[in-house]
């Protein structure tokens, strides 16, 4: 089975992106997979992403949402059905993941009747900031969209085209407000295990360093940091990126 996957890319975190991709491939038996970065500058350059943005207090700020953006791919992830011509199923995840199992097993959970499938977290962060000092934004269904199996062919996802995606507040997109509850399928919590939040009795298939990756001050001793660092040692990044 060929896996079609997109991973969010933020220019400030190239190592985290590389580790997410490398760990995904390290635990995959079948090749080739198609793994594509979500690149905001590309979508902006083609004119498809034209949401007004600026910086406030050193952080990206989305004017439509009237809220900060923790990453460059905060909104651009929702372009995936359009980017795929509304065909097939696609995996999306943030760039701060560490895979520990073959994602082919995740695709075995697909329910063809659903528009989106995700881990339905009950996550309410208590800290005001995360990662490298980014403000923590609270919204309904927090972290559901950090990993998604997306049914690009589902009729409800046909509305996800640039004119809508450039108009809706980000909180509505992250809450899947274009869908009814029954359109959202559930996958096992082991596939989006939130460091510092998820049940420690779960053996995670995918670790999500949602507060900060182990190379960030204060998160060096996070759960599974040793595994993350082991993958990091196998990756060479140009110093000038």
Foldseek 3Di string as FASTA:
>chain_A
DAAAEEEEDFPVCPLLQVQQVVLQVVAADDDDHHYYYQDLVVCVVVVLADFDWDDDPRFIAGPLQRGTDPGSCLLSVLCVLVVVVLDDKYKYAYSNKHAQHHCVVVVVPDDLQAQKEFAQDPDDDPDQAFAQGHGDDDAPSPPRVNIMTGNSNHPLSVVSGSVVSSRDHSRCVNNVVSDDPVNYHYDDCLAEAEFPDHDPVDNHRMYGPPRYQLVTPPCVPIPCNVVSVVSSVVDDDDPVD
